[in-house]
Amino acid sequence: MDRMPRLLAIGHVTWDRHSEGEVLGGTASYAALAARKLGWEAGVLTSAGPDFDPARELPDVAVFLKRAPATTRYQNLYDEEGGRRQVLSARADDIDLAVLPDDWREPDALLLGPVAGELAGGMAGAFEAGVVGAAGQGWLRAFDKSGAVSSREWTSAGPDLAGVHALFLSEGDAPSSLELARGLLAAVPIVALTRGWRGLILLTRDGEQEIPSLPRREVDPTGAGDAFAAAFLVRYHETLDAAESAVFAACAASCVVEKVGSAGLGDRAEVLRRVALRERLVEEGEWDE
């Protein structure tokens, strides 16, 4: 029997503190869990402290782990408009490729998902992947002495994104995010700039396309962008259609915001149901930006 397609996500798993306590976070965590829900095999290459139990926190995900004194920790604070303020209180070690077995060095999809400067530049070059994505937010973060997160200029984008096919950004990742996305097309052929309930702008070297989302009542937006990235890569590997993949990914993200943490991740049947619902709303003119 043919093996299941594989997505490998690289980056720190995190503990994210919310009003309800700590939940597992990090781009790699959400992306791997999203890929599993969509029917793919998933792996995570990460570093974390002794308080992270891979079997408990990421069931059915292959975790390749470098132990560190601490797990990366963030406090996420949201304002009434959905804007997020973050504070980094602990950081794991840099990512170590040596802990990854050879049979995971040729994944069908690879997602680079740094959250605290843990990836070396040009890491995609160490893999033979079918499609490569990168979540940009981790490269756009600066940290002051207290751990408070602010935006910074991405001066090494070219080397960092070597070998990447699709870059995922949120409009909250940096000031003038659309201008940044347009500039980064010099480094990658596809940029998806997500805008929450308003959908996304899909940028390619052939032009730009506004793609509506499927707005849903928002409980917690954390992880929605990471699920978007994983779902996009899954669908792009299957179709090679960037617009179709963006719609699929937007509907996958719409599942996540309805619950705290990864509890809202939708399976393929649910995501496709939402794709059909979104298409009907758009056709009937009921979607209104």
Protein backbone atom coordinates (compact mmCIF):
# COMPACT_ATOMS: atom_id res chain seq x y z
CA MET A 1 0.00 0.00 0.00
CA ASP A 2 1.27 3.48 -0.84
CA ARG A 3 2.42 5.43 2.17
CA MET A 4 0.54 8.44 3.45
CA PRO A 5 1.90 11.83 2.30
CA ARG A 6 4.17 13.48 4.85
CA LEU A 7 4.41 17.04 6.18
CA LEU A 8 7.40 17.99 8.31
CA ALA A 9 7.13 21.17 10.38
CA ILE A 10 10.28 22.70 11.84
CA GLY A 11 10.34 25.12 14.77
CA HIS A 12 9.84 25.40 18.50
CA VAL A 13 6.81 23.96 20.18
CA THR A 14 5.68 26.46 22.80
CA TRP A 15 3.59 26.88 25.89
CA ASP A 16 1.25 29.81 25.34
CA ARG A 17 -0.32 31.45 28.37
CA HIS A 18 -3.90 32.67 28.02
CA SER A 19 -6.53 33.73 30.53
CA GLU A 20 -7.55 30.08 30.81
CA GLY A 21 -4.03 28.80 31.50
CA GLU A 22 -1.26 27.35 29.32
CA VAL A 23 -1.91 25.55 26.05
CA LEU A 24 0.46 24.00 23.55
CA GLY A 25 1.38 26.38 20.75
CA GLY A 26 3.95 27.10 18.11
CA THR A 27 3.68 26.99 14.34
CA ALA A 28 5.14 23.49 14.18
CA SER A 29 2.60 22.11 16.67
CA TYR A 30 -0.49 23.55 14.99
CA ALA A 31 0.75 22.75 11.49
CA ALA A 32 1.50 19.11 12.29
CA LEU A 33 -1.84 18.59 14.05
CA ALA A 34 -3.65 20.27 11.15
CA ALA A 35 -1.93 18.01 8.63
CA ARG A 36 -2.90 14.94 10.67
CA LYS A 37 -6.54 16.04 10.73
CA LEU A 38 -6.39 16.38 6.94
CA GLY A 39 -5.22 12.79 6.55
CA TRP A 40 -1.46 13.25 6.20
CA GLU A 41 1.36 11.79 8.23
CA ALA A 42 3.04 14.58 10.17
CA GLY A 43 6.37 15.14 11.87
CA VAL A 44 7.86 17.92 13.99
CA LEU A 45 11.53 18.78 14.36
CA THR A 46 11.87 20.85 17.51
CA SER A 47 13.63 21.61 20.79
CA ALA A 48 11.88 21.67 24.15
CA GLY A 49 12.36 21.22 27.87
CA PRO A 50 11.39 18.35 30.17
CA ASP A 51 7.85 19.71 30.61
CA PHE A 52 7.01 18.79 26.99
CA ASP A 53 5.82 15.19 26.52
CA PRO A 54 5.61 14.46 22.77
CA ALA A 55 3.33 11.44 23.11
CA ARG A 56 0.86 13.37 25.25
CA GLU A 57 0.93 16.75 23.51
CA LEU A 58 1.28 15.64 19.87
CA PRO A 59 -0.38 12.24 19.58
CA ASP A 60 0.04 10.49 16.24
CA VAL A 61 2.78 12.96 15.26
CA ALA A 62 6.40 11.88 14.82
CA VAL A 63 8.42 14.21 17.06
CA PHE A 64 12.17 14.57 16.59
CA LEU A 65 13.32 16.36 19.70
CA LYS A 66 16.44 18.00 21.02
CA ARG A 67 16.00 18.34 24.76
CA ALA A 68 16.70 21.78 26.20
CA PRO A 69 16.64 23.24 29.72
CA ALA A 70 13.33 24.98 28.98
CA THR A 71 10.45 25.02 26.53
CA THR A 72 9.76 28.26 24.68
CA ARG A 73 7.00 30.17 26.47
CA TYR A 74 4.84 33.06 25.31
CA GLN A 75 2.12 35.13 26.87
CA ASN A 76 -0.47 36.15 24.25
CA LEU A 77 -2.61 39.21 24.92
CA TYR A 78 -5.34 40.33 22.49
CA ASP A 79 -7.06 43.69 22.20
CA GLU A 80 -10.68 44.28 21.13
CA GLU A 81 -9.67 44.47 17.47
CA GLY A 82 -7.89 41.09 17.61
CA GLY A 83 -4.40 42.60 17.72
CA ARG A 84 -1.92 40.45 19.61
CA ARG A 85 0.80 41.50 22.04
CA GLN A 86 3.33 38.84 23.03
CA VAL A 87 5.96 38.38 25.71
CA LEU A 88 8.66 35.69 25.50
CA SER A 89 9.50 34.33 28.97
CA ALA A 90 11.62 31.27 28.08
CA ARG A 91 13.38 29.89 25.00
CA ALA A 92 14.48 26.40 23.99
CA ASP A 93 17.68 25.64 22.04
CA ASP A 94 18.21 26.22 18.33
CA ILE A 95 16.92 23.53 15.98
CA ASP A 96 19.37 20.67 15.43
CA LEU A 97 19.06 18.74 12.16
CA ALA A 98 21.18 15.92 13.59
CA VAL A 99 18.21 14.48 15.49
CA LEU A 100 16.18 14.01 12.28
CA PRO A 101 16.37 10.51 10.71
CA ASP A 102 17.25 10.21 7.04
CA ASP A 103 13.82 8.90 6.03
CA TRP A 104 12.25 12.26 7.02
CA ARG A 105 14.60 14.37 4.90
CA GLU A 106 12.41 14.00 1.80
CA PRO A 107 8.93 15.04 3.00
CA ASP A 108 6.12 15.76 0.56
CA ALA A 109 5.69 19.14 2.25
CA LEU A 110 8.09 21.06 4.46
CA LEU A 111 7.07 24.01 6.64
CA LEU A 112 9.66 26.27 8.24
CA GLY A 113 7.98 27.77 11.28
CA PRO A 114 10.38 29.64 13.58
CA VAL A 115 8.92 31.50 16.54
CA ALA A 116 12.02 32.73 18.39
CA GLY A 117 14.94 32.86 15.98
CA GLU A 118 15.66 29.13 16.25
CA LEU A 119 16.26 28.29 12.58
CA ALA A 120 19.49 28.69 10.66
CA GLY A 121 19.24 30.54 7.34
CA GLY A 122 18.59 28.53 4.20
CA MET A 123 17.40 25.45 6.06
CA ALA A 124 15.20 24.33 3.18
CA GLY A 125 18.38 23.45 1.31
CA ALA A 126 18.98 20.53 3.68
CA PHE A 127 15.84 18.77 2.39
CA GLU A 128 14.42 17.26 -0.77
CA ALA A 129 10.81 18.32 -0.32
CA GLY A 130 7.96 18.31 -2.81
CA VAL A 131 6.72 21.74 -1.73
CA VAL A 132 8.26 24.10 0.82
CA GLY A 133 6.46 26.75 2.85
CA ALA A 134 7.59 29.25 5.46
CA ALA A 135 5.67 31.11 8.15
CA GLY A 136 7.19 34.56 8.18
CA GLN A 137 6.26 35.84 11.63
CA GLY A 138 9.21 34.28 13.45
CA TRP A 139 11.71 36.13 11.28
CA LEU A 140 9.91 39.43 11.86
CA ARG A 141 10.16 39.41 15.66
CA ALA A 142 12.51 41.34 17.90
CA PHE A 143 12.71 40.88 21.68
CA ASP A 144 13.61 43.44 24.32
CA LYS A 145 15.20 42.60 27.67
CA SER A 146 11.82 41.86 29.22
CA GLY A 147 10.89 39.51 26.38
CA ALA A 148 8.30 41.86 24.88
CA VAL A 149 7.92 41.17 21.16
CA SER A 150 8.06 43.90 18.54
CA SER A 151 8.47 43.88 14.78
CA ARG A 152 11.80 44.18 13.02
CA GLU A 153 13.04 44.55 9.48
CA TRP A 154 13.73 41.27 7.67
CA THR A 155 17.18 41.98 6.28
CA SER A 156 18.11 38.34 5.54
CA ALA A 157 14.94 37.30 3.71
CA GLY A 158 16.75 36.13 0.58
CA PRO A 159 19.02 33.61 2.31
CA ASP A 160 16.37 32.61 4.85
CA LEU A 161 13.83 31.82 2.12
CA ALA A 162 16.13 30.06 -0.34
CA GLY A 163 14.25 27.07 -1.72
CA VAL A 164 10.84 28.18 -0.36
CA HIS A 165 7.82 28.06 -2.68
CA ALA A 166 5.16 29.74 -0.52
CA LEU A 167 5.48 32.32 2.26
CA PHE A 168 2.72 32.90 4.79
CA LEU A 169 2.33 36.30 6.43
CA SER A 170 -0.34 37.95 8.56
CA GLU A 171 -1.16 41.61 8.19
CA GLY A 172 -0.28 41.93 11.90
CA ASP A 173 3.24 40.56 11.46
CA ALA A 174 4.74 43.87 10.38
CA PRO A 175 3.86 47.47 9.56
CA SER A 176 3.07 48.01 5.87
CA SER A 177 2.53 44.25 5.53
CA LEU A 178 1.20 44.43 1.96
CA GLU A 179 4.23 46.40 0.84
CA LEU A 180 6.44 43.85 2.60
CA ALA A 181 4.62 40.95 0.92
CA ARG A 182 5.08 42.52 -2.49
CA GLY A 183 8.78 43.00 -1.85
CA LEU A 184 9.23 39.40 -0.73
CA LEU A 185 8.05 38.14 -4.12
CA ALA A 186 11.66 38.69 -5.13
CA ALA A 187 12.56 35.78 -2.83
CA VAL A 188 9.53 33.45 -3.19
CA PRO A 189 7.01 32.88 -6.01
CA ILE A 190 3.90 32.82 -3.77
CA VAL A 191 2.99 34.97 -0.76
CA ALA A 192 -0.28 34.57 1.13
CA LEU A 193 -1.07 37.62 3.27
CA THR A 194 -3.86 36.68 5.68
CA ARG A 195 -6.23 39.29 7.09
CA GLY A 196 -8.36 37.44 9.61
CA TRP A 197 -12.10 37.34 8.88
CA ARG A 198 -11.50 39.52 5.81
CA GLY A 199 -9.71 36.70 4.04
CA LEU A 200 -6.36 37.07 2.35
CA ILE A 201 -4.44 38.54 -0.52
CA LEU A 202 -2.72 35.91 -2.64
CA LEU A 203 0.33 37.39 -4.34
CA THR A 204 2.26 35.74 -7.15
CA ARG A 205 4.62 37.10 -9.76
CA ASP A 206 1.63 37.15 -12.13
CA GLY A 207 -0.50 39.42 -9.95
CA GLU A 208 -2.63 39.70 -6.82
CA GLN A 209 -5.98 38.16 -5.93
CA GLU A 210 -8.27 38.95 -2.99
CA ILE A 211 -9.75 35.76 -1.57
CA PRO A 212 -12.66 35.96 0.89
CA SER A 213 -12.58 33.82 3.99
CA LEU A 214 -15.45 32.14 5.81
CA PRO A 215 -16.04 34.45 8.82
CA ARG A 216 -16.83 32.68 12.06
CA ARG A 217 -17.38 33.74 15.69
CA GLU A 218 -13.89 34.12 17.07
CA VAL A 219 -13.01 32.56 20.43
CA ASP A 220 -9.22 32.37 20.05
CA PRO A 221 -7.32 33.18 16.82
CA THR A 222 -4.06 31.60 18.00
CA GLY A 223 -2.90 28.93 15.57
CA ALA A 224 -5.25 29.87 12.74
CA GLY A 225 -2.40 31.12 10.57
CA ASP A 226 -0.38 27.98 11.24
CA ALA A 227 -3.30 25.75 10.29
CA PHE A 228 -3.71 27.90 7.18
CA ALA A 229 -0.07 27.28 6.23
CA ALA A 230 -0.32 23.51 6.70
CA ALA A 231 -3.62 23.24 4.85
CA PHE A 232 -2.27 25.35 1.98
CA LEU A 233 0.78 23.09 1.59
CA VAL A 234 -1.35 19.94 1.76
CA ARG A 235 -3.73 21.19 -0.92
CA TYR A 236 -1.01 22.72 -3.08
CA HIS A 237 0.85 19.41 -3.10
CA GLU A 238 -2.39 17.76 -4.23
CA THR A 239 -3.48 20.32 -6.86
CA LEU A 240 -0.62 22.73 -7.70
CA ASP A 241 -3.35 25.41 -7.72
CA ALA A 242 -2.46 28.33 -5.46
CA ALA A 243 -5.93 29.92 -5.46
CA GLU A 244 -7.73 26.67 -4.69
CA SER A 245 -5.18 25.94 -1.97
CA ALA A 246 -5.74 29.38 -0.44
CA VAL A 247 -9.51 28.85 -0.28
CA PHE A 248 -9.03 25.41 1.29
CA ALA A 249 -6.57 26.87 3.81
CA ALA A 250 -8.86 29.77 4.72
CA CYS A 251 -11.65 27.33 5.50
CA ALA A 252 -9.28 25.20 7.59
CA ALA A 253 -8.31 28.32 9.54
CA SER A 254 -11.98 29.19 10.11
CA CYS A 255 -12.33 26.01 12.16
CA VAL A 256 -9.48 26.92 14.50
CA VAL A 257 -10.74 30.31 15.69
CA GLU A 258 -13.92 28.81 17.14
CA LYS A 259 -12.13 27.08 20.05
CA VAL A 260 -9.06 27.54 22.26
CA GLY A 261 -5.80 25.93 21.15
CA SER A 262 -5.86 23.04 18.71
CA ALA A 263 -9.30 21.80 19.79
CA GLY A 264 -10.97 23.46 16.81
CA LEU A 265 -8.90 21.87 14.04
CA GLY A 266 -11.19 20.47 11.35
CA ASP A 267 -10.84 17.23 9.44
CA ARG A 268 -10.91 17.11 5.65
CA ALA A 269 -14.67 16.49 5.47
CA GLU A 270 -15.36 19.55 7.65
CA VAL A 271 -12.97 21.76 5.71
CA LEU A 272 -14.51 20.72 2.38
CA ARG A 273 -17.98 21.36 3.81
CA ARG A 274 -16.87 24.88 4.65
CA VAL A 275 -15.33 25.32 1.20
CA ALA A 276 -18.72 24.53 -0.34
CA LEU A 277 -20.52 26.85 2.09
CA ARG A 278 -18.09 29.67 1.40
CA GLU A 279 -18.49 29.22 -2.36
CA ARG A 280 -22.26 29.41 -2.03
CA LEU A 281 -22.08 32.56 0.10
CA VAL A 282 -19.73 34.25 -2.36
CA GLU A 283 -21.89 33.30 -5.34
CA GLU A 284 -25.04 34.57 -3.64
CA GLY A 285 -23.38 37.83 -2.66
CA GLU A 286 -23.80 37.18 1.06
CA TRP A 287 -20.11 37.56 1.80
CA ASP A 288 -19.46 41.24 2.42
CA GLU A 289 -16.07 42.59 3.32
